[in-house]
C-alpha cells in the first residue's frame, strides 16, 4: 500500500469514533521504507547477518506450531548461532578478579592488618581465584540470625570459560 493511501485512510479513521482513532494511530506508527512499502520482517539491529537470521527464523516457524514463543525463539537463536551467526554490540562481562581485601581481612576491626590477617586474606583470595578460574560454585557467607542448613546456603556460580 503506498504511503499516500495509508495517510488518507488514517485521516478518515481519525474523524470516526474512538475505536477507529486507535486504528488510525496504528496505521500512522507503521514505518515505511523509501519505496513506500511497509517493513516486512522484524530483524533486530544487533544481528550481524540478517540472511542467516531469516533462515533460522523460518526453521523455527516450521518446527513450532506457536511461533512467537520462548521455546521457538530460543531454538531460533541456537540455530542462528549454529549456522555461524553473531550478534553486534558489547560483550557480556566475564568473571571478575579476586584480590586481597583489607576491609574483609581485618578480623578484629582495629583498622590495622596484622601479619596473620594479611596471610589469611591473601590465602582466601588465592583460593577463590583458583576456584573461579576452574568454574563451579563458591560458597558465600550466609546472612541472618541463627544457623542455616548447608543445603539452604547460597552459592555463587562461576561459569567455566
N, C-alpha and C. Protein backbone atom coordinates (compact mmCIF):
# COMPACT_ATOMS: atom_id res chain seq x y z
N UNK A 1 0.86 -1.18 0.00
CA UNK A 1 0.00 0.00 0.00
C UNK A 1 0.90 1.23 0.00
N UNK A 2 0.73 2.14 -0.95
CA UNK A 2 1.57 3.33 -0.98
C UNK A 2 1.33 4.23 0.24
N UNK A 3 2.34 5.02 0.53
CA UNK A 3 2.33 5.89 1.70
C UNK A 3 1.13 6.84 1.70
N UNK A 4 0.82 7.40 0.55
CA UNK A 4 -0.29 8.37 0.45
C UNK A 4 -1.61 7.72 0.83
N UNK A 5 -1.81 6.48 0.37
CA UNK A 5 -3.04 5.77 0.64
C UNK A 5 -3.21 5.50 2.13
N UNK A 6 -2.11 5.09 2.77
CA UNK A 6 -2.14 4.83 4.22
C UNK A 6 -2.49 6.11 4.97
N UNK A 7 -1.87 7.22 4.57
CA UNK A 7 -2.14 8.50 5.23
C UNK A 7 -3.60 8.92 5.05
N UNK A 8 -4.15 8.66 3.88
CA UNK A 8 -5.54 9.01 3.58
C UNK A 8 -6.50 8.20 4.46
N UNK A 9 -6.24 6.89 4.57
CA UNK A 9 -7.08 6.01 5.40
C UNK A 9 -6.98 6.42 6.86
N UNK A 10 -5.77 6.73 7.33
CA UNK A 10 -5.56 7.15 8.71
C UNK A 10 -6.34 8.42 9.01
N UNK A 11 -6.34 9.37 8.07
CA UNK A 11 -7.05 10.64 8.24
C UNK A 11 -8.56 10.40 8.35
N UNK A 12 -9.07 9.52 7.50
CA UNK A 12 -10.51 9.21 7.51
C UNK A 12 -10.90 8.51 8.80
N UNK A 13 -10.06 7.62 9.29
CA UNK A 13 -10.36 6.89 10.53
C UNK A 13 -10.34 7.81 11.74
N UNK A 14 -9.47 8.82 11.72
CA UNK A 14 -9.39 9.77 12.83
C UNK A 14 -10.70 10.49 13.04
N UNK A 15 -11.36 10.80 11.95
CA UNK A 15 -12.62 11.55 12.02
C UNK A 15 -13.74 10.69 12.59
N UNK A 16 -13.61 9.36 12.52
CA UNK A 16 -14.64 8.44 13.00
C UNK A 16 -14.55 8.29 14.53
N UNK A 17 -15.15 7.25 15.06
CA UNK A 17 -15.22 7.05 16.51
C UNK A 17 -13.86 6.72 17.13
N UNK A 18 -13.86 6.57 18.46
CA UNK A 18 -12.62 6.31 19.20
C UNK A 18 -11.92 5.03 18.76
N UNK A 19 -12.67 3.97 18.50
CA UNK A 19 -12.05 2.72 18.08
C UNK A 19 -11.30 2.90 16.77
N UNK A 20 -11.88 3.65 15.87
CA UNK A 20 -11.22 3.90 14.60
C UNK A 20 -10.02 4.83 14.79
N UNK A 21 -10.09 5.72 15.76
CA UNK A 21 -8.96 6.62 16.04
C UNK A 21 -7.74 5.81 16.47
N UNK A 22 -7.98 4.74 17.24
CA UNK A 22 -6.88 3.87 17.66
C UNK A 22 -6.27 3.16 16.45
N UNK A 23 -7.14 2.75 15.52
CA UNK A 23 -6.64 2.11 14.30
C UNK A 23 -5.82 3.09 13.47
N UNK A 24 -6.26 4.34 13.46
CA UNK A 24 -5.53 5.37 12.73
C UNK A 24 -4.14 5.56 13.32
N UNK A 25 -4.06 5.55 14.66
CA UNK A 25 -2.77 5.68 15.34
C UNK A 25 -1.84 4.54 14.93
N UNK A 26 -2.39 3.33 14.88
CA UNK A 26 -1.61 2.16 14.49
C UNK A 26 -1.07 2.31 13.07
N UNK A 27 -1.93 2.77 12.16
CA UNK A 27 -1.50 2.97 10.77
C UNK A 27 -0.40 4.02 10.66
N UNK A 28 -0.52 5.07 11.47
CA UNK A 28 0.48 6.14 11.41
C UNK A 28 1.82 5.67 11.96
N UNK A 29 1.78 4.71 12.90
CA UNK A 29 3.02 4.25 13.51
C UNK A 29 3.81 3.29 12.62
N UNK A 30 3.19 2.81 11.52
CA UNK A 30 3.89 1.90 10.61
C UNK A 30 5.03 2.64 9.94
N UNK A 31 6.21 2.04 10.03
CA UNK A 31 7.38 2.67 9.42
C UNK A 31 7.48 2.19 7.97
N UNK A 32 7.57 3.14 7.08
CA UNK A 32 7.63 2.80 5.66
C UNK A 32 9.04 2.96 5.12
N UNK A 33 9.42 2.10 4.18
CA UNK A 33 10.71 2.21 3.51
C UNK A 33 10.62 3.30 2.45
N UNK A 34 11.72 3.58 1.77
CA UNK A 34 11.75 4.63 0.74
C UNK A 34 10.72 4.40 -0.35
N UNK A 35 10.56 3.15 -0.77
CA UNK A 35 9.63 2.83 -1.86
C UNK A 35 8.17 2.96 -1.45
N UNK A 36 7.89 3.09 -0.16
CA UNK A 36 6.51 3.24 0.31
C UNK A 36 5.93 1.97 0.87
N UNK A 37 6.66 0.86 0.81
CA UNK A 37 6.12 -0.39 1.34
C UNK A 37 6.45 -0.52 2.82
N UNK A 38 5.60 -1.23 3.53
CA UNK A 38 5.80 -1.42 4.97
C UNK A 38 6.94 -2.40 5.21
N UNK A 39 7.58 -2.28 6.37
CA UNK A 39 8.67 -3.16 6.76
C UNK A 39 8.12 -4.58 6.93
N UNK A 40 8.73 -5.58 6.27
CA UNK A 40 8.18 -6.93 6.25
C UNK A 40 8.59 -7.76 7.46
N UNK A 41 9.87 -7.86 7.76
CA UNK A 41 10.28 -8.71 8.86
C UNK A 41 11.01 -7.91 9.93
N UNK A 42 10.77 -8.32 11.16
CA UNK A 42 11.38 -7.64 12.29
C UNK A 42 12.71 -8.28 12.61
N UNK A 43 13.78 -7.72 12.10
CA UNK A 43 15.11 -8.22 12.41
C UNK A 43 15.77 -7.20 13.33
N UNK A 44 16.20 -7.64 14.51
CA UNK A 44 16.83 -6.71 15.45
C UNK A 44 18.07 -6.05 14.88
N UNK A 45 18.40 -4.89 15.40
CA UNK A 45 19.55 -4.13 14.92
C UNK A 45 20.88 -4.80 15.27
N UNK A 46 20.90 -5.62 16.33
CA UNK A 46 22.16 -6.21 16.76
C UNK A 46 22.51 -7.51 16.03
N UNK A 47 21.74 -7.87 15.02
CA UNK A 47 22.02 -9.08 14.23
C UNK A 47 23.06 -8.75 13.17
N UNK A 48 24.16 -9.52 13.15
CA UNK A 48 25.25 -9.24 12.22
C UNK A 48 24.94 -9.76 10.81
N UNK A 49 24.21 -10.88 10.70
CA UNK A 49 23.94 -11.48 9.39
C UNK A 49 22.42 -11.70 9.22
N UNK A 50 21.70 -10.72 8.67
CA UNK A 50 20.25 -10.81 8.55
C UNK A 50 19.75 -11.99 7.72
N UNK A 51 20.48 -12.39 6.68
CA UNK A 51 20.02 -13.50 5.85
C UNK A 51 20.03 -14.81 6.63
N UNK A 52 21.07 -15.03 7.43
CA UNK A 52 21.12 -16.23 8.28
C UNK A 52 20.00 -16.19 9.32
N UNK A 53 19.76 -14.99 9.84
CA UNK A 53 18.72 -14.81 10.85
C UNK A 53 17.35 -15.19 10.27
N UNK A 54 17.10 -14.78 9.03
CA UNK A 54 15.83 -15.12 8.36
C UNK A 54 15.68 -16.63 8.21
N UNK A 55 16.80 -17.31 7.84
CA UNK A 55 16.77 -18.76 7.68
C UNK A 55 16.46 -19.46 9.00
N UNK A 56 17.11 -18.98 10.07
CA UNK A 56 16.89 -19.58 11.40
C UNK A 56 15.45 -19.35 11.85
N UNK A 57 14.93 -18.17 11.53
CA UNK A 57 13.55 -17.85 11.90
C UNK A 57 12.57 -18.75 11.15
N UNK A 58 12.83 -18.98 9.87
CA UNK A 58 11.98 -19.85 9.07
C UNK A 58 12.02 -21.28 9.60
N UNK A 59 13.20 -21.73 10.02
CA UNK A 59 13.35 -23.06 10.60
C UNK A 59 12.51 -23.20 11.87
N UNK A 60 12.56 -22.17 12.71
CA UNK A 60 11.81 -22.18 13.97
C UNK A 60 10.31 -22.15 13.71
N UNK A 61 9.89 -21.36 12.72
CA UNK A 61 8.46 -21.28 12.38
C UNK A 61 7.96 -22.62 11.85
N UNK A 62 8.81 -23.33 11.11
CA UNK A 62 8.42 -24.63 10.57
C UNK A 62 8.33 -25.69 11.66
N UNK A 63 9.17 -25.59 12.67
CA UNK A 63 9.23 -26.61 13.71
C UNK A 63 8.13 -26.45 14.76
N UNK A 64 7.79 -25.20 15.12
CA UNK A 64 6.84 -24.95 16.20
C UNK A 64 5.50 -24.47 15.69
N UNK A 65 4.42 -24.98 16.29
CA UNK A 65 3.07 -24.54 15.91
C UNK A 65 2.85 -23.09 16.30
N UNK A 66 3.25 -22.74 17.51
CA UNK A 66 3.10 -21.37 18.00
C UNK A 66 4.46 -20.71 17.87
N UNK A 67 4.59 -19.78 16.88
CA UNK A 67 5.93 -19.24 16.68
C UNK A 67 6.36 -18.24 17.73
N UNK A 68 5.73 -17.13 17.94
CA UNK A 68 6.37 -16.22 18.90
C UNK A 68 6.23 -16.78 20.31
N UNK A 69 7.04 -17.76 20.64
CA UNK A 69 7.06 -18.32 21.99
C UNK A 69 8.50 -18.41 22.47
N UNK A 70 8.67 -18.59 23.77
CA UNK A 70 10.01 -18.65 24.35
C UNK A 70 10.80 -19.82 23.78
N UNK A 71 10.15 -20.99 23.65
CA UNK A 71 10.83 -22.16 23.12
C UNK A 71 11.27 -21.94 21.67
N UNK A 72 10.36 -21.40 20.88
CA UNK A 72 10.66 -21.18 19.47
C UNK A 72 11.79 -20.17 19.31
N UNK A 73 11.76 -19.10 20.10
CA UNK A 73 12.80 -18.08 19.99
C UNK A 73 14.16 -18.61 20.44
N UNK A 74 14.18 -19.42 21.51
CA UNK A 74 15.46 -19.97 21.95
C UNK A 74 16.01 -20.93 20.90
N UNK A 75 15.11 -21.69 20.27
CA UNK A 75 15.52 -22.60 19.19
C UNK A 75 16.09 -21.79 18.02
N UNK A 76 15.40 -20.70 17.67
CA UNK A 76 15.84 -19.86 16.56
C UNK A 76 17.24 -19.30 16.84
N UNK A 77 17.46 -18.81 18.05
CA UNK A 77 18.77 -18.24 18.40
C UNK A 77 19.85 -19.32 18.33
N UNK A 78 19.54 -20.52 18.85
CA UNK A 78 20.53 -21.59 18.82
C UNK A 78 20.86 -21.98 17.37
N UNK A 79 19.85 -22.03 16.50
CA UNK A 79 20.08 -22.36 15.09
C UNK A 79 20.91 -21.27 14.41
N UNK A 80 20.58 -20.01 14.72
CA UNK A 80 21.31 -18.88 14.14
C UNK A 80 22.80 -18.96 14.53
N UNK A 81 23.05 -19.29 15.78
CA UNK A 81 24.44 -19.38 16.25
C UNK A 81 25.14 -20.60 15.65
N UNK A 82 24.39 -21.72 15.50
CA UNK A 82 24.96 -22.93 14.89
C UNK A 82 25.38 -22.66 13.45
N UNK A 83 24.57 -21.85 12.74
CA UNK A 83 24.86 -21.52 11.35
C UNK A 83 26.05 -20.56 11.22
N UNK A 84 26.50 -20.04 12.36
CA UNK A 84 27.65 -19.13 12.33
C UNK A 84 27.25 -17.68 12.50
N UNK A 85 26.01 -17.43 12.85
CA UNK A 85 25.53 -16.06 13.05
C UNK A 85 26.08 -15.47 14.33
N UNK A 86 26.29 -14.17 14.32
CA UNK A 86 26.80 -13.47 15.50
C UNK A 86 25.95 -12.24 15.76
N UNK A 87 26.09 -11.72 16.96
CA UNK A 87 25.38 -10.51 17.34
C UNK A 87 26.37 -9.38 17.52
N UNK A 88 25.96 -8.16 17.12
CA UNK A 88 26.81 -6.98 17.27
C UNK A 88 26.63 -6.43 18.68
N UNK A 89 27.55 -5.59 19.08
CA UNK A 89 27.38 -4.88 20.35
C UNK A 89 28.39 -5.32 21.39
N UNK A 90 28.20 -4.77 22.60
CA UNK A 90 29.11 -5.03 23.70
C UNK A 90 29.00 -6.48 24.16
N UNK A 91 30.11 -7.05 24.52
CA UNK A 91 30.12 -8.42 25.02
C UNK A 91 29.82 -8.39 26.51
N UNK A 92 29.23 -9.49 26.99
CA UNK A 92 28.90 -9.56 28.41
C UNK A 92 30.18 -9.70 29.23
N UNK A 93 30.14 -9.16 30.43
CA UNK A 93 31.30 -9.20 31.31
C UNK A 93 31.61 -10.61 31.76
N UNK A 94 32.86 -10.93 31.82
CA UNK A 94 33.29 -12.25 32.28
C UNK A 94 33.46 -12.24 33.80
N UNK A 95 34.15 -13.22 34.32
CA UNK A 95 34.37 -13.30 35.76
C UNK A 95 35.30 -12.19 36.23
N UNK A 96 35.06 -11.71 37.42
CA UNK A 96 35.88 -10.64 37.98
C UNK A 96 37.16 -11.18 38.58
N UNK A 97 38.06 -10.28 38.92
CA UNK A 97 39.33 -10.65 39.51
C UNK A 97 39.18 -10.65 41.02
N UNK A 98 39.72 -11.64 41.69
CA UNK A 98 39.65 -11.71 43.15
C UNK A 98 41.00 -11.28 43.68
N UNK A 99 40.99 -10.25 44.52
CA UNK A 99 42.23 -9.73 45.09
C UNK A 99 42.09 -9.63 46.60
N UNK A 100 43.19 -9.42 47.27
CA UNK A 100 43.21 -9.26 48.72
C UNK A 100 42.37 -8.06 49.11
N UNK A 101 41.44 -8.25 50.05
CA UNK A 101 40.57 -7.18 50.51
C UNK A 101 40.89 -6.88 51.97
N UNK A 102 41.50 -5.73 52.21
CA UNK A 102 41.94 -5.37 53.57
C UNK A 102 40.75 -5.23 54.52
N UNK A 103 39.65 -4.69 54.03
CA UNK A 103 38.49 -4.46 54.89
C UNK A 103 37.91 -5.79 55.39
N UNK A 104 37.84 -6.77 54.49
CA UNK A 104 37.31 -8.08 54.88
C UNK A 104 38.31 -8.88 55.71
N UNK A 105 39.59 -8.62 55.51
CA UNK A 105 40.63 -9.38 56.22
C UNK A 105 40.85 -8.90 57.64
N UNK A 106 40.43 -7.68 57.97
CA UNK A 106 40.62 -7.13 59.31
C UNK A 106 39.65 -7.80 60.28
N UNK A 107 40.11 -8.88 60.93
CA UNK A 107 39.24 -9.69 61.78
C UNK A 107 38.83 -8.97 63.08
N UNK A 108 39.77 -8.28 63.70
CA UNK A 108 39.44 -7.62 64.97
C UNK A 108 38.97 -6.17 64.80
N UNK A 109 38.78 -5.73 63.59
CA UNK A 109 38.23 -4.42 63.24
C UNK A 109 38.96 -3.24 63.91
N UNK A 110 40.29 -3.36 64.00
CA UNK A 110 41.05 -2.28 64.60
C UNK A 110 41.63 -1.31 63.57
N UNK A 111 41.41 -1.61 62.30
CA UNK A 111 41.89 -0.74 61.24
C UNK A 111 43.30 -1.08 60.77
N UNK A 112 43.97 -1.98 61.48
CA UNK A 112 45.33 -2.39 61.12
C UNK A 112 45.31 -3.86 60.70
N UNK A 113 46.09 -4.18 59.71
CA UNK A 113 46.16 -5.55 59.23
C UNK A 113 47.41 -6.22 59.82
N UNK A 114 47.20 -7.24 60.65
CA UNK A 114 48.33 -7.95 61.25
C UNK A 114 48.91 -8.91 60.21
N UNK A 115 50.05 -9.49 60.57
CA UNK A 115 50.72 -10.43 59.68
C UNK A 115 49.80 -11.63 59.40
N UNK A 116 49.15 -12.11 60.45
CA UNK A 116 48.26 -13.26 60.32
C UNK A 116 47.06 -12.91 59.42
N UNK A 117 46.45 -11.73 59.66
CA UNK A 117 45.28 -11.32 58.87
C UNK A 117 45.63 -11.18 57.39
N UNK A 118 46.82 -10.64 57.11
CA UNK A 118 47.26 -10.47 55.73
C UNK A 118 47.47 -11.84 55.07
N UNK A 119 48.14 -12.74 55.78
CA UNK A 119 48.40 -14.09 55.24
C UNK A 119 47.07 -14.81 54.99
N UNK A 120 46.14 -14.71 55.94
CA UNK A 120 44.83 -15.37 55.82
C UNK A 120 44.05 -14.79 54.64
N UNK A 121 44.00 -13.46 54.55
CA UNK A 121 43.27 -12.78 53.47
C UNK A 121 43.82 -13.12 52.10
N UNK A 122 45.16 -13.16 52.00
CA UNK A 122 45.81 -13.49 50.73
C UNK A 122 45.51 -14.93 50.34
N UNK A 123 45.55 -15.85 51.32
CA UNK A 123 45.28 -17.27 51.04
C UNK A 123 43.83 -17.46 50.57
N UNK A 124 42.89 -16.75 51.19
CA UNK A 124 41.48 -16.85 50.80
C UNK A 124 41.29 -16.31 49.38
N UNK A 125 41.89 -15.17 49.09
CA UNK A 125 41.78 -14.57 47.76
C UNK A 125 42.38 -15.50 46.70
N UNK A 126 43.52 -16.11 47.03
CA UNK A 126 44.18 -17.02 46.10
C UNK A 126 43.31 -18.25 45.84
N UNK A 127 42.73 -18.79 46.91
CA UNK A 127 41.87 -19.97 46.79
C UNK A 127 40.62 -19.66 45.97
N UNK A 128 40.00 -18.49 46.21
CA UNK A 128 38.80 -18.09 45.47
C UNK A 128 39.14 -17.89 43.99
N UNK A 129 40.29 -17.28 43.71
CA UNK A 129 40.69 -17.05 42.32
C UNK A 129 40.91 -18.38 41.61
N UNK A 130 41.49 -19.35 42.31
CA UNK A 130 41.73 -20.66 41.72
C UNK A 130 40.41 -21.35 41.41
N UNK A 131 39.46 -21.29 42.37
CA UNK A 131 38.15 -21.89 42.17
C UNK A 131 37.42 -21.23 41.01
N UNK A 132 37.51 -19.92 40.91
CA UNK A 132 36.81 -19.19 39.86
C UNK A 132 37.39 -19.49 38.49
N UNK A 133 38.70 -19.71 38.43
CA UNK A 133 39.30 -19.99 37.12
C UNK A 133 38.89 -21.36 36.60
N UNK A 134 38.59 -22.28 37.54
CA UNK A 134 38.16 -23.61 37.15
C UNK A 134 36.67 -23.67 36.88
N UNK A 135 35.94 -22.68 37.34
CA UNK A 135 34.49 -22.70 37.22
C UNK A 135 33.89 -23.50 38.35
N UNK A 136 32.58 -23.51 38.44
CA UNK A 136 31.92 -24.23 39.53
C UNK A 136 31.18 -23.27 40.42
N UNK A 137 31.19 -23.54 41.72
CA UNK A 137 30.48 -22.65 42.63
C UNK A 137 31.32 -22.34 43.85
N UNK A 138 31.14 -21.16 44.38
CA UNK A 138 31.86 -20.70 45.56
C UNK A 138 30.82 -20.43 46.63
N UNK A 139 31.04 -20.92 47.83
CA UNK A 139 30.10 -20.71 48.92
C UNK A 139 30.22 -19.28 49.42
N UNK A 140 29.11 -18.59 49.55
CA UNK A 140 29.08 -17.22 50.03
C UNK A 140 28.57 -17.25 51.46
N UNK A 141 29.17 -16.44 52.34
CA UNK A 141 28.77 -16.43 53.74
C UNK A 141 27.30 -16.03 53.86
N UNK A 142 26.55 -16.84 54.59
CA UNK A 142 25.12 -16.58 54.75
C UNK A 142 24.90 -15.46 55.75
N UNK A 143 23.83 -14.72 55.56
CA UNK A 143 23.48 -13.64 56.48
C UNK A 143 22.18 -14.00 57.18
N UNK A 144 22.01 -13.49 58.36
CA UNK A 144 20.80 -13.77 59.11
C UNK A 144 21.16 -14.27 60.49
N UNK A 145 20.15 -14.42 61.34
CA UNK A 145 20.42 -14.87 62.70
C UNK A 145 20.15 -16.37 62.79
N UNK A 146 20.99 -17.06 63.51
CA UNK A 146 20.81 -18.50 63.68
C UNK A 146 21.57 -19.29 62.63
N UNK A 147 21.57 -20.59 62.84
CA UNK A 147 22.28 -21.47 61.92
C UNK A 147 21.47 -21.68 60.65
N UNK A 148 22.16 -21.81 59.54
CA UNK A 148 21.49 -22.06 58.26
C UNK A 148 21.95 -23.42 57.76
N UNK A 149 21.00 -24.24 57.38
CA UNK A 149 21.34 -25.57 56.90
C UNK A 149 22.22 -25.46 55.66
N UNK A 150 23.23 -26.33 55.54
CA UNK A 150 24.14 -26.25 54.39
C UNK A 150 23.42 -26.32 53.04
N UNK A 151 22.33 -27.06 52.98
CA UNK A 151 21.61 -27.19 51.71
C UNK A 151 20.90 -25.89 51.33
N UNK A 152 20.66 -25.02 52.31
CA UNK A 152 19.96 -23.76 52.06
C UNK A 152 20.90 -22.58 51.87
N UNK A 153 22.22 -22.80 52.09
CA UNK A 153 23.18 -21.70 51.94
C UNK A 153 23.29 -21.30 50.48
N UNK A 154 23.44 -20.01 50.26
CA UNK A 154 23.54 -19.50 48.88
C UNK A 154 24.91 -19.80 48.31
N UNK A 155 24.95 -20.07 47.02
CA UNK A 155 26.20 -20.31 46.33
C UNK A 155 26.28 -19.39 45.12
N UNK A 156 27.46 -18.88 44.86
CA UNK A 156 27.68 -18.07 43.67
C UNK A 156 28.25 -18.98 42.60
N UNK A 157 27.61 -19.02 41.46
CA UNK A 157 28.06 -19.90 40.38
C UNK A 157 28.95 -19.13 39.42
N UNK A 158 30.07 -19.73 39.10
CA UNK A 158 31.01 -19.13 38.17
C UNK A 158 31.07 -20.03 36.94
N UNK A 159 30.72 -19.51 35.77
CA UNK A 159 30.73 -20.35 34.56
C UNK A 159 32.14 -20.73 34.16
N UNK A 160 32.27 -21.91 33.59
CA UNK A 160 33.57 -22.36 33.07
C UNK A 160 33.88 -21.59 31.79
N UNK A 161 35.12 -21.19 31.66
CA UNK A 161 35.47 -20.42 30.46
C UNK A 161 36.42 -21.14 29.57
